[in-house]
Amino acid sequence: MKPSTQDRTQGKLHEVKGKIKEEVGKAANDPDLEVSGKAEKKAGKVQKWIGRAEKAVGE
């Protein structure tokens, strides 16, 4: 798998995991878990953006 594809795939995975953590944190009234989920979701978005940039540059 190309690095750009791998970055985009892993980024999406982190976004999904972050969203799940965020929702569980809200449901469980656990602000730490909610913040952790938001941070992981943002990190996933950045990783996806890096994958797109790598693809645009041509790796």
N, C-alpha and C. Protein backbone atom coordinates (compact mmCIF):
# COMPACT_ATOMS: atom_id res chain seq x y z
N MET A 1 0.85 -1.17 0.00
CA MET A 1 0.00 0.00 0.00
C MET A 1 0.90 1.24 0.00
N LYS A 2 0.54 2.21 -0.81
CA LYS A 2 1.31 3.45 -0.89
C LYS A 2 1.20 4.22 0.43
N PRO A 3 2.26 4.95 0.78
CA PRO A 3 2.21 5.73 2.03
C PRO A 3 1.04 6.71 2.11
N SER A 4 0.70 7.34 0.98
CA SER A 4 -0.40 8.30 1.02
C SER A 4 -1.73 7.59 1.30
N THR A 5 -1.91 6.44 0.71
CA THR A 5 -3.14 5.66 0.95
C THR A 5 -3.18 5.18 2.39
N GLN A 6 -2.05 4.75 2.89
CA GLN A 6 -1.97 4.27 4.27
C GLN A 6 -2.28 5.41 5.24
N ASP A 7 -1.74 6.60 5.00
CA ASP A 7 -2.01 7.74 5.87
C ASP A 7 -3.50 8.10 5.85
N ARG A 8 -4.10 8.10 4.66
CA ARG A 8 -5.52 8.43 4.59
C ARG A 8 -6.36 7.38 5.30
N THR A 9 -6.02 6.11 5.14
CA THR A 9 -6.77 5.03 5.78
C THR A 9 -6.64 5.10 7.30
N GLN A 10 -5.41 5.24 7.77
CA GLN A 10 -5.20 5.33 9.21
C GLN A 10 -5.85 6.59 9.78
N GLY A 11 -5.79 7.67 9.03
CA GLY A 11 -6.43 8.90 9.48
C GLY A 11 -7.93 8.72 9.67
N LYS A 12 -8.57 8.06 8.72
CA LYS A 12 -10.01 7.81 8.82
C LYS A 12 -10.31 6.91 10.02
N LEU A 13 -9.46 5.92 10.25
CA LEU A 13 -9.63 5.02 11.40
C LEU A 13 -9.56 5.82 12.70
N HIS A 14 -8.60 6.72 12.80
CA HIS A 14 -8.47 7.53 14.01
C HIS A 14 -9.67 8.47 14.18
N GLU A 15 -10.17 8.99 13.07
CA GLU A 15 -11.36 9.84 13.14
C GLU A 15 -12.55 9.07 13.72
N VAL A 16 -12.75 7.86 13.23
CA VAL A 16 -13.87 7.03 13.69
C VAL A 16 -13.70 6.66 15.16
N LYS A 17 -12.48 6.22 15.53
CA LYS A 17 -12.22 5.87 16.93
C LYS A 17 -12.42 7.08 17.84
N GLY A 18 -11.97 8.23 17.37
CA GLY A 18 -12.13 9.45 18.16
C GLY A 18 -13.59 9.81 18.36
N LYS A 19 -14.38 9.67 17.31
CA LYS A 19 -15.81 9.97 17.39
C LYS A 19 -16.50 9.04 18.38
N ILE A 20 -16.11 7.76 18.36
CA ILE A 20 -16.70 6.79 19.29
C ILE A 20 -16.33 7.15 20.73
N LYS A 21 -15.04 7.46 20.96
CA LYS A 21 -14.62 7.85 22.31
C LYS A 21 -15.35 9.10 22.79
N GLU A 22 -15.51 10.05 21.88
CA GLU A 22 -16.19 11.30 22.22
C GLU A 22 -17.63 11.02 22.64
N GLU A 23 -18.33 10.20 21.88
CA GLU A 23 -19.73 9.90 22.19
C GLU A 23 -19.87 9.09 23.48
N VAL A 24 -18.95 8.13 23.68
CA VAL A 24 -18.98 7.35 24.92
C VAL A 24 -18.70 8.26 26.11
N GLY A 25 -17.76 9.18 25.95
CA GLY A 25 -17.46 10.14 27.01
C GLY A 25 -18.66 10.99 27.35
N LYS A 26 -19.40 11.43 26.34
CA LYS A 26 -20.62 12.22 26.58
C LYS A 26 -21.65 11.38 27.32
N ALA A 27 -21.85 10.15 26.85
CA ALA A 27 -22.87 9.28 27.44
C ALA A 27 -22.52 8.90 28.88
N ALA A 28 -21.23 8.69 29.13
CA ALA A 28 -20.79 8.27 30.47
C ALA A 28 -20.48 9.47 31.36
N ASN A 29 -20.69 10.66 30.84
CA ASN A 29 -20.38 11.88 31.58
C ASN A 29 -18.92 11.88 32.05
N ASP A 30 -18.03 11.50 31.13
CA ASP A 30 -16.59 11.43 31.40
C ASP A 30 -15.88 12.46 30.52
N PRO A 31 -15.62 13.65 31.06
CA PRO A 31 -15.03 14.70 30.24
C PRO A 31 -13.63 14.35 29.71
N ASP A 32 -12.86 13.57 30.47
CA ASP A 32 -11.53 13.18 30.01
C ASP A 32 -11.60 12.32 28.75
N LEU A 33 -12.51 11.37 28.74
CA LEU A 33 -12.68 10.49 27.57
C LEU A 33 -13.21 11.29 26.38
N GLU A 34 -14.09 12.22 26.65
CA GLU A 34 -14.65 13.05 25.58
C GLU A 34 -13.54 13.90 24.94
N VAL A 35 -12.70 14.50 25.76
CA VAL A 35 -11.59 15.32 25.25
C VAL A 35 -10.59 14.46 24.49
N SER A 36 -10.31 13.27 25.01
CA SER A 36 -9.40 12.34 24.34
C SER A 36 -9.94 11.96 22.96
N GLY A 37 -11.23 11.74 22.89
CA GLY A 37 -11.86 11.41 21.61
C GLY A 37 -11.77 12.55 20.62
N LYS A 38 -12.00 13.76 21.09
CA LYS A 38 -11.90 14.92 20.20
C LYS A 38 -10.48 15.08 19.68
N ALA A 39 -9.51 14.87 20.55
CA ALA A 39 -8.11 15.00 20.14
C ALA A 39 -7.74 13.95 19.10
N GLU A 40 -8.19 12.71 19.32
CA GLU A 40 -7.88 11.64 18.36
C GLU A 40 -8.56 11.90 17.02
N LYS A 41 -9.77 12.43 17.07
CA LYS A 41 -10.50 12.74 15.84
C LYS A 41 -9.76 13.82 15.04
N LYS A 42 -9.28 14.84 15.72
CA LYS A 42 -8.53 15.91 15.05
C LYS A 42 -7.21 15.37 14.49
N ALA A 43 -6.54 14.51 15.23
CA ALA A 43 -5.28 13.92 14.74
C ALA A 43 -5.54 13.08 13.49
N GLY A 44 -6.66 12.39 13.45
CA GLY A 44 -7.03 11.62 12.26
C GLY A 44 -7.25 12.50 11.05
N LYS A 45 -7.89 13.64 11.28
CA LYS A 45 -8.12 14.57 10.17
C LYS A 45 -6.79 15.10 9.62
N VAL A 46 -5.86 15.39 10.52
CA VAL A 46 -4.55 15.87 10.09
C VAL A 46 -3.83 14.78 9.29
N GLN A 47 -3.89 13.55 9.77
CA GLN A 47 -3.22 12.45 9.08
C GLN A 47 -3.82 12.24 7.69
N LYS A 48 -5.14 12.35 7.58
CA LYS A 48 -5.77 12.24 6.26
C LYS A 48 -5.31 13.35 5.34
N TRP A 49 -5.19 14.56 5.87
CA TRP A 49 -4.73 15.70 5.08
C TRP A 49 -3.30 15.46 4.59
N ILE A 50 -2.46 14.90 5.44
CA ILE A 50 -1.08 14.59 5.05
C ILE A 50 -1.08 13.57 3.91
N GLY A 51 -1.93 12.57 4.00
CA GLY A 51 -2.02 11.58 2.93
C GLY A 51 -2.45 12.19 1.61
N ARG A 52 -3.39 13.13 1.68
CA ARG A 52 -3.82 13.81 0.46
C ARG A 52 -2.70 14.66 -0.13
N ALA A 53 -1.96 15.34 0.74
CA ALA A 53 -0.85 16.18 0.28
C ALA A 53 0.23 15.32 -0.37
N GLU A 54 0.54 14.17 0.24
CA GLU A 54 1.54 13.27 -0.33
C GLU A 54 1.12 12.81 -1.72
N LYS A 55 -0.16 12.50 -1.87
CA LYS A 55 -0.66 12.04 -3.16
C LYS A 55 -0.56 13.16 -4.20
N ALA A 56 -0.90 14.37 -3.79
CA ALA A 56 -0.85 15.50 -4.71
C ALA A 56 0.58 15.81 -5.16
N VAL A 57 1.53 15.63 -4.27
CA VAL A 57 2.93 15.90 -4.59
C VAL A 57 3.52 14.76 -5.43
N GLY A 58 2.95 13.61 -5.29
CA GLY A 58 3.41 12.45 -6.06
C GLY A 58 4.28 11.51 -5.26
N GLU A 59 4.20 11.63 -3.96
CA GLU A 59 4.94 10.78 -3.02
C GLU A 59 6.38 10.87 -3.39
